[in-house]
PDB file of N, CA and C in Angstrom:
ATOM      1  N   MET A   1     115.502-142.263 -24.642  1.00  0.00           N
ATOM      2  CA  MET A   1     116.438-143.117 -25.366  1.00  0.00           C
ATOM      3  C   MET A   1     116.200-143.034 -26.871  1.00  0.00           C
ATOM      4  N   THR A   2     115.041-142.591 -27.308  1.00  0.00           N
ATOM      5  CA  THR A   2     114.749-142.499 -28.738  1.00  0.00           C
ATOM      6  C   THR A   2     115.720-141.554 -29.432  1.00  0.00           C
ATOM      7  N   ASP A   3     115.983-140.398 -28.820  1.00  0.00           N
ATOM      8  CA  ASP A   3     116.926-139.449 -29.388  1.00  0.00           C
ATOM      9  C   ASP A   3     118.326-140.061 -29.436  1.00  0.00           C
ATOM     10  N   LEU A   4     118.684-140.785 -28.403  1.00  0.00           N
ATOM     11  CA  LEU A   4     119.985-141.440 -28.364  1.00  0.00           C
ATOM     12  C   LEU A   4     120.087-142.493 -29.464  1.00  0.00           C
ATOM     13  N   ASN A   5     119.017-143.243 -29.685  1.00  0.00           N
ATOM     14  CA  ASN A   5     119.010-144.227 -30.787  1.00  0.00           C
ATOM     15  C   ASN A   5     119.240-143.539 -32.125  1.00  0.00           C
ATOM     16  N   ALA A   6     118.586-142.411 -32.328  1.00  0.00           N
ATOM     17  CA  ALA A   6     118.755-141.659 -33.574  1.00  0.00           C
ATOM     18  C   ALA A   6     120.197-141.170 -33.706  1.00  0.00           C
ATOM     19  N   GLN A   7     120.782-140.727 -32.610  1.00  0.00           N
ATOM     20  CA  GLN A   7     122.163-140.265 -32.637  1.00  0.00           C
ATOM     21  C   GLN A   7     123.126-141.423 -32.928  1.00  0.00           C
ATOM     22  N   LEU A   8     122.844-142.584 -32.355  1.00  0.00           N
ATOM     23  CA  LEU A   8     123.668-143.760 -32.634  1.00  0.00           C
ATOM     24  C   LEU A   8     123.603-144.138 -34.113  1.00  0.00           C
ATOM     25  N   LEU A   9     122.417-144.148 -34.660  1.00  0.00           N
ATOM     26  CA  LEU A   9     122.265-144.461 -36.083  1.00  0.00           C
ATOM     27  C   LEU A   9     122.999-143.442 -36.953  1.00  0.00           C
ATOM     28  N   ALA A  10     122.885-142.181 -36.592  1.00  0.00           N
ATOM     29  CA  ALA A  10     123.570-141.134 -37.343  1.00  0.00           C
ATOM     30  C   ALA A  10     125.087-141.302 -37.241  1.00  0.00           C
ATOM     31  N   GLY A  11     125.562-141.655 -36.068  1.00  0.00           N
ATOM     32  CA  GLY A  11     126.993-141.885 -35.879  1.00  0.00           C
ATOM     33  C   GLY A  11     127.493-143.034 -36.730  1.00  0.00           C
ATOM     34  N   HIS A  12     126.713-144.106 -36.780  1.00  0.00           N
ATOM     35  CA  HIS A  12     127.081-145.242 -37.630  1.00  0.00           C
ATOM     36  C   HIS A  12     127.063-144.842 -39.105  1.00  0.00           C
ATOM     37  N   ASN A  13     126.015-144.149 -39.507  1.00  0.00           N
ATOM     38  CA  ASN A  13     125.904-143.734 -40.914  1.00  0.00           C
ATOM     39  C   ASN A  13     127.053-142.822 -41.325  1.00  0.00           C
ATOM     40  N   ALA A  14     127.502-141.983 -40.392  1.00  0.00           N
ATOM     41  CA  ALA A  14     128.591-141.049 -40.689  1.00  0.00           C
ATOM     42  C   ALA A  14     129.967-141.682 -40.509  1.00  0.00           C
ATOM     43  N   GLY A  15     130.004-142.851 -39.869  1.00  0.00           N
ATOM     44  CA  GLY A  15     131.288-143.482 -39.594  1.00  0.00           C
ATOM     45  C   GLY A  15     132.087-142.748 -38.535  1.00  0.00           C
ATOM     46  N   ASP A  16     131.391-142.042 -37.655  1.00  0.00           N
ATOM     47  CA  ASP A  16     132.030-141.225 -36.622  1.00  0.00           C
ATOM     48  C   ASP A  16     132.290-142.069 -35.379  1.00  0.00           C
ATOM     49  N   THR A  17     133.395-142.802 -35.395  1.00  0.00           N
ATOM     50  CA  THR A  17     133.671-143.741 -34.311  1.00  0.00           C
ATOM     51  C   THR A  17     133.937-143.046 -32.983  1.00  0.00           C
ATOM     52  N   SER A  18     134.514-141.869 -33.003  1.00  0.00           N
ATOM     53  CA  SER A  18     134.732-141.140 -31.748  1.00  0.00           C
ATOM     54  C   SER A  18     133.402-140.778 -31.091  1.00  0.00           C
ATOM     55  N   ALA A  19     132.449-140.344 -31.882  1.00  0.00           N
ATOM     56  CA  ALA A  19     131.126-140.033 -31.355  1.00  0.00           C
ATOM     57  C   ALA A  19     130.447-141.295 -30.837  1.00  0.00           C
ATOM     58  N   LEU A  20     130.665-142.418 -31.522  1.00  0.00           N
ATOM     59  CA  LEU A  20     130.041-143.672 -31.096  1.00  0.00           C
ATOM     60  C   LEU A  20     130.546-144.123 -29.726  1.00  0.00           C
ATOM     61  N   VAL A  21     131.796-143.846 -29.426  1.00  0.00           N
ATOM     62  CA  VAL A  21     132.314-144.170 -28.083  1.00  0.00           C
ATOM     63  C   VAL A  21     131.483-143.434 -27.038  1.00  0.00           C
ATOM     64  N   VAL A  22     131.298-142.161 -27.245  1.00  0.00           N
ATOM     65  CA  VAL A  22     130.551-141.333 -26.292  1.00  0.00           C
ATOM     66  C   VAL A  22     129.093-141.761 -26.229  1.00  0.00           C
ATOM     67  N   LEU A  23     128.488-142.000 -27.377  1.00  0.00           N
ATOM     68  CA  LEU A  23     127.065-142.348 -27.421  1.00  0.00           C
ATOM     69  C   LEU A  23     126.791-143.716 -26.801  1.00  0.00           C
ATOM     70  N   TYR A  24     127.635-144.707 -27.090  1.00  0.00           N
ATOM     71  CA  TYR A  24     127.432-146.023 -26.486  1.00  0.00           C
ATOM     72  C   TYR A  24     127.697-145.991 -24.981  1.00  0.00           C
ATOM     73  N   THR A  25     128.626-145.150 -24.545  1.00  0.00           N
ATOM     74  CA  THR A  25     128.852-144.992 -23.112  1.00  0.00           C
ATOM     75  C   THR A  25     127.621-144.375 -22.455  1.00  0.00           C
ATOM     76  N   GLU A  26     127.051-143.390 -23.102  1.00  0.00           N
ATOM     77  CA  GLU A  26     125.829-142.766 -22.596  1.00  0.00           C
ATOM     78  C   GLU A  26     124.688-143.787 -22.538  1.00  0.00           C
ATOM     79  N   ALA A  27     124.570-144.602 -23.565  1.00  0.00           N
ATOM     80  CA  ALA A  27     123.536-145.639 -23.569  1.00  0.00           C
ATOM     81  C   ALA A  27     123.753-146.611 -22.416  1.00  0.00           C
ATOM     82  N   ALA A  28     124.995-146.962 -22.142  1.00  0.00           N
ATOM     83  CA  ALA A  28     125.298-147.853 -21.017  1.00  0.00           C
ATOM     84  C   ALA A  28     124.896-147.207 -19.698  1.00  0.00           C
ATOM     85  N   ASP A  29     125.172-145.928 -19.564  1.00  0.00           N
ATOM     86  CA  ASP A  29     124.833-145.213 -18.334  1.00  0.00           C
ATOM     87  C   ASP A  29     123.323-145.142 -18.112  1.00  0.00           C
ATOM     88  N   GLN A  30     122.552-145.199 -19.182  1.00  0.00           N
ATOM     89  CA  GLN A  30     121.087-145.129 -19.093  1.00  0.00           C
ATOM     90  C   GLN A  30     120.422-146.505 -19.087  1.00  0.00           C
ATOM     91  N   ALA A  31     121.193-147.553 -19.237  1.00  0.00           N
ATOM     92  CA  ALA A  31     120.632-148.905 -19.360  1.00  0.00           C
ATOM     93  C   ALA A  31     119.893-149.324 -18.092  1.00  0.00           C
ATOM     94  N   PRO A  32     118.827-150.101 -18.268  1.00  0.00           N
ATOM     95  CA  PRO A  32     118.013-150.512 -17.124  1.00  0.00           C
ATOM     96  C   PRO A  32     118.611-151.647 -16.292  1.00  0.00           C
ATOM     97  N   ASP A  33     119.607-152.353 -16.830  1.00  0.00           N
ATOM     98  CA  ASP A  33     120.206-153.464 -16.079  1.00  0.00           C
ATOM     99  C   ASP A  33     121.656-153.638 -16.511  1.00  0.00           C
ATOM    100  N   ILE A  34     122.407-154.415 -15.759  1.00  0.00           N
ATOM    101  CA  ILE A  34     123.841-154.563 -15.985  1.00  0.00           C
ATOM    102  C   ILE A  34     124.152-155.272 -17.300  1.00  0.00           C
ATOM    103  N   ASP A  35     123.341-156.238 -17.692  1.00  0.00           N
ATOM    104  CA  ASP A  35     123.590-156.931 -18.954  1.00  0.00           C
ATOM    105  C   ASP A  35     123.469-155.983 -20.144  1.00  0.00           C
ATOM    106  N   THR A  36     122.453-155.170 -20.133  1.00  0.00           N
ATOM    107  CA  THR A  36     122.270-154.195 -21.207  1.00  0.00           C
ATOM    108  C   THR A  36     123.382-153.158 -21.166  1.00  0.00           C
ATOM    109  N   ALA A  37     123.734-152.715 -19.975  1.00  0.00           N
ATOM    110  CA  ALA A  37     124.828-151.745 -19.837  1.00  0.00           C
ATOM    111  C   ALA A  37     126.123-152.309 -20.406  1.00  0.00           C
ATOM    112  N   CYS A  38     126.425-153.552 -20.083  1.00  0.00           N
ATOM    113  CA  CYS A  38     127.661-154.164 -20.574  1.00  0.00           C
ATOM    114  C   CYS A  38     127.627-154.383 -22.081  1.00  0.00           C
ATOM    115  N   PHE A  39     126.466-154.642 -22.635  1.00  0.00           N
ATOM    116  CA  PHE A  39     126.315-154.740 -24.090  1.00  0.00           C
ATOM    117  C   PHE A  39     126.760-153.429 -24.736  1.00  0.00           C
ATOM    118  N   PHE A  40     126.243-152.317 -24.221  1.00  0.00           N
ATOM    119  CA  PHE A  40     126.603-151.011 -24.760  1.00  0.00           C
ATOM    120  C   PHE A  40     128.058-150.666 -24.467  1.00  0.00           C
ATOM    121  N   LEU A  41     128.538-151.009 -23.274  1.00  0.00           N
ATOM    122  CA  LEU A  41     129.936-150.739 -22.930  1.00  0.00           C
ATOM    123  C   LEU A  41     130.889-151.491 -23.853  1.00  0.00           C
ATOM    124  N   THR A  42     130.518-152.706 -24.222  1.00  0.00           N
ATOM    125  CA  THR A  42     131.352-153.484 -25.136  1.00  0.00           C
ATOM    126  C   THR A  42     131.486-152.769 -26.474  1.00  0.00           C
ATOM    127  N   HIS A  43     130.382-152.252 -26.976  1.00  0.00           N
ATOM    128  CA  HIS A  43     130.435-151.499 -28.233  1.00  0.00           C
ATOM    129  C   HIS A  43     131.305-150.255 -28.072  1.00  0.00           C
ATOM    130  N   ALA A  44     131.105-149.533 -26.986  1.00  0.00           N
ATOM    131  CA  ALA A  44     131.913-148.338 -26.746  1.00  0.00           C
ATOM    132  C   ALA A  44     133.394-148.692 -26.685  1.00  0.00           C
ATOM    133  N   TYR A  45     133.701-149.787 -26.011  1.00  0.00           N
ATOM    134  CA  TYR A  45     135.095-150.216 -25.851  1.00  0.00           C
ATOM    135  C   TYR A  45     135.723-150.589 -27.198  1.00  0.00           C
ATOM    136  N   ILE A  46     135.000-151.301 -28.020  1.00  0.00           N
ATOM    137  CA  ILE A  46     135.529-151.690 -29.331  1.00  0.00           C
ATOM    138  C   ILE A  46     135.830-150.449 -30.178  1.00  0.00           C
ATOM    139  N   PHE A  47     134.897-149.504 -30.203  1.00  0.00           N
ATOM    140  CA  PHE A  47     135.145-148.280 -30.963  1.00  0.00           C
ATOM    141  C   PHE A  47     136.280-147.470 -30.344  1.00  0.00           C
ATOM    142  N   ALA A  48     136.397-147.497 -29.034  1.00  0.00           N
ATOM    143  CA  ALA A  48     137.497-146.796 -28.367  1.00  0.00           C
ATOM    144  C   ALA A  48     138.839-147.404 -28.762  1.00  0.00           C
ATOM    145  N   LEU A  49     138.889-148.730 -28.815  1.00  0.00           N
ATOM    146  CA  LEU A  49     140.122-149.388 -29.237  1.00  0.00           C
ATOM    147  C   LEU A  49     140.501-149.005 -30.665  1.00  0.00           C
ATOM    148  N   GLU A  50     139.504-148.926 -31.524  1.00  0.00           N
ATOM    149  CA  GLU A  50     139.754-148.595 -32.931  1.00  0.00           C
ATOM    150  C   GLU A  50     140.297-147.184 -33.114  1.00  0.00           C
ATOM    151  N   THR A  51     139.953-146.288 -32.209  1.00  0.00           N
ATOM    152  CA  THR A  51     140.324-144.877 -32.381  1.00  0.00           C
ATOM    153  C   THR A  51     141.363-144.403 -31.370  1.00  0.00           C
ATOM    154  N   ALA A  52     141.863-145.312 -30.535  1.00  0.00           N
ATOM    155  CA  ALA A  52     142.778-144.922 -29.451  1.00  0.00           C
ATOM    156  C   ALA A  52     142.166-143.791 -28.622  1.00  0.00           C
ATOM    157  N   HIS A  53     140.885-143.952 -28.330  1.00  0.00           N
ATOM    158  CA  HIS A  53     140.113-142.949 -27.590  1.00  0.00           C
ATOM    159  C   HIS A  53     140.637-142.830 -26.158  1.00  0.00           C
ATOM    160  N   PRO A  54     140.633-141.634 -25.588  1.00  0.00           N
ATOM    161  CA  PRO A  54     141.126-141.451 -24.222  1.00  0.00           C
ATOM    162  C   PRO A  54     140.338-142.232 -23.156  1.00  0.00           C
ATOM    163  N   ASP A  55     139.125-142.653 -23.451  1.00  0.00           N
ATOM    164  CA  ASP A  55     138.310-143.389 -22.478  1.00  0.00           C
ATOM    165  C   ASP A  55     138.509-144.904 -22.543  1.00  0.00           C
ATOM    166  N   THR A  56     139.421-145.370 -23.366  1.00  0.00           N
ATOM    167  CA  THR A  56     139.616-146.808 -23.547  1.00  0.00           C
ATOM    168  C   THR A  56     139.868-147.527 -22.225  1.00  0.00           C
ATOM    169  N   ALA A  57     140.781-147.027 -21.427  1.00  0.00           N
ATOM    170  CA  ALA A  57     141.122-147.676 -20.154  1.00  0.00           C
ATOM    171  C   ALA A  57     139.942-147.664 -19.187  1.00  0.00           C
ATOM    172  N   THR A  58     139.206-146.575 -19.158  1.00  0.00           N
ATOM    173  CA  THR A  58     138.041-146.473 -18.277  1.00  0.00           C
ATOM    174  C   THR A  58     136.965-147.477 -18.685  1.00  0.00           C
ATOM    175  N   LEU A  59     136.722-147.580 -19.976  1.00  0.00           N
ATOM    176  CA  LEU A  59     135.723-148.537 -20.463  1.00  0.00           C
ATOM    177  C   LEU A  59     136.149-149.967 -20.148  1.00  0.00           C
ATOM    178  N   HIS A  60     137.418-150.268 -20.337  1.00  0.00           N
ATOM    179  CA  HIS A  60     137.942-151.597 -20.008  1.00  0.00           C
ATOM    180  C   HIS A  60     137.742-151.897 -18.522  1.00  0.00           C
ATOM    181  N   ALA A  61     138.045-150.929 -17.687  1.00  0.00           N
ATOM    182  CA  ALA A  61     137.886-151.117 -16.232  1.00  0.00           C
ATOM    183  C   ALA A  61     136.427-151.349 -15.863  1.00  0.00           C
ATOM    184  N   ARG A  62     135.520-150.635 -16.505  1.00  0.00           N
ATOM    185  CA  ARG A  62     134.088-150.831 -16.213  1.00  0.00           C
ATOM    186  C   ARG A  62     133.645-152.244 -16.597  1.00  0.00           C
ATOM    187  N   LEU A  63     134.085-152.710 -17.754  1.00  0.00           N
ATOM    188  CA  LEU A  63     133.726-154.062 -18.183  1.00  0.00           C
ATOM    189  C   LEU A  63     134.362-155.100 -17.264  1.00  0.00           C
ATOM    190  N   LYS A  64     135.607-154.894 -16.891  1.00  0.00           N
ATOM    191  CA  LYS A  64     136.301-155.820 -16.017  1.00  0.00           C
ATOM    192  C   LYS A  64     135.633-155.900 -14.647  1.00  0.00           C
ATOM    193  N   CYS A  65     135.171-154.783 -14.160  1.00  0.00           N
ATOM    194  CA  CYS A  65     134.471-154.725 -12.878  1.00  0.00           C
ATOM    195  C   CYS A  65     133.255-155.654 -12.858  1.00  0.00           C
ATOM    196  N   HIS A  66     132.657-155.857 -14.007  1.00  0.00           N
ATOM    197  CA  HIS A  66     131.468-156.708 -14.121  1.00  0.00           C
ATOM    198  C   HIS A  66     131.794-158.068 -14.701  1.00  0.00           C
ATOM    199  N   GLY A  67     133.082-158.411 -14.712  1.00  0.00           N
ATOM    200  CA  GLY A  67     133.493-159.733 -15.169  1.00  0.00           C
ATOM    201  C   GLY A  67     133.285-159.971 -16.653  1.00  0.00           C
ATOM    202  N   ARG A  68     133.339-158.924 -17.451  1.00  0.00           N
ATOM    203  CA  ARG A  68     133.063-159.065 -18.884  1.00  0.00           C
ATOM    204  C   ARG A  68     134.294-159.051 -19.754  1.00  0.00           C
ATOM    205  N   VAL A  69     135.471-158.887 -19.168  1.00  0.00           N
ATOM    206  CA  VAL A  69     136.715-158.873 -19.959  1.00  0.00           C
ATOM    207  C   VAL A  69     137.586-160.001 -19.498  1.00  0.00           C
TER     208      VAL A  69
END
């Protein structure tokens, strides 16, 4: 996860919101529990909404599945 953290920071520093969708989704997939996963999914979803990312609907469905939307 250390490399992923570095990539997330780099994405934020670069303002690369499309990359942040992918990176936060990856962080959610690696999360140790559902609360942490949903934290990361929420970030991915917000950035997806901002960029009209193709994964927006999928991220919304994942959050909804866990009662987070």
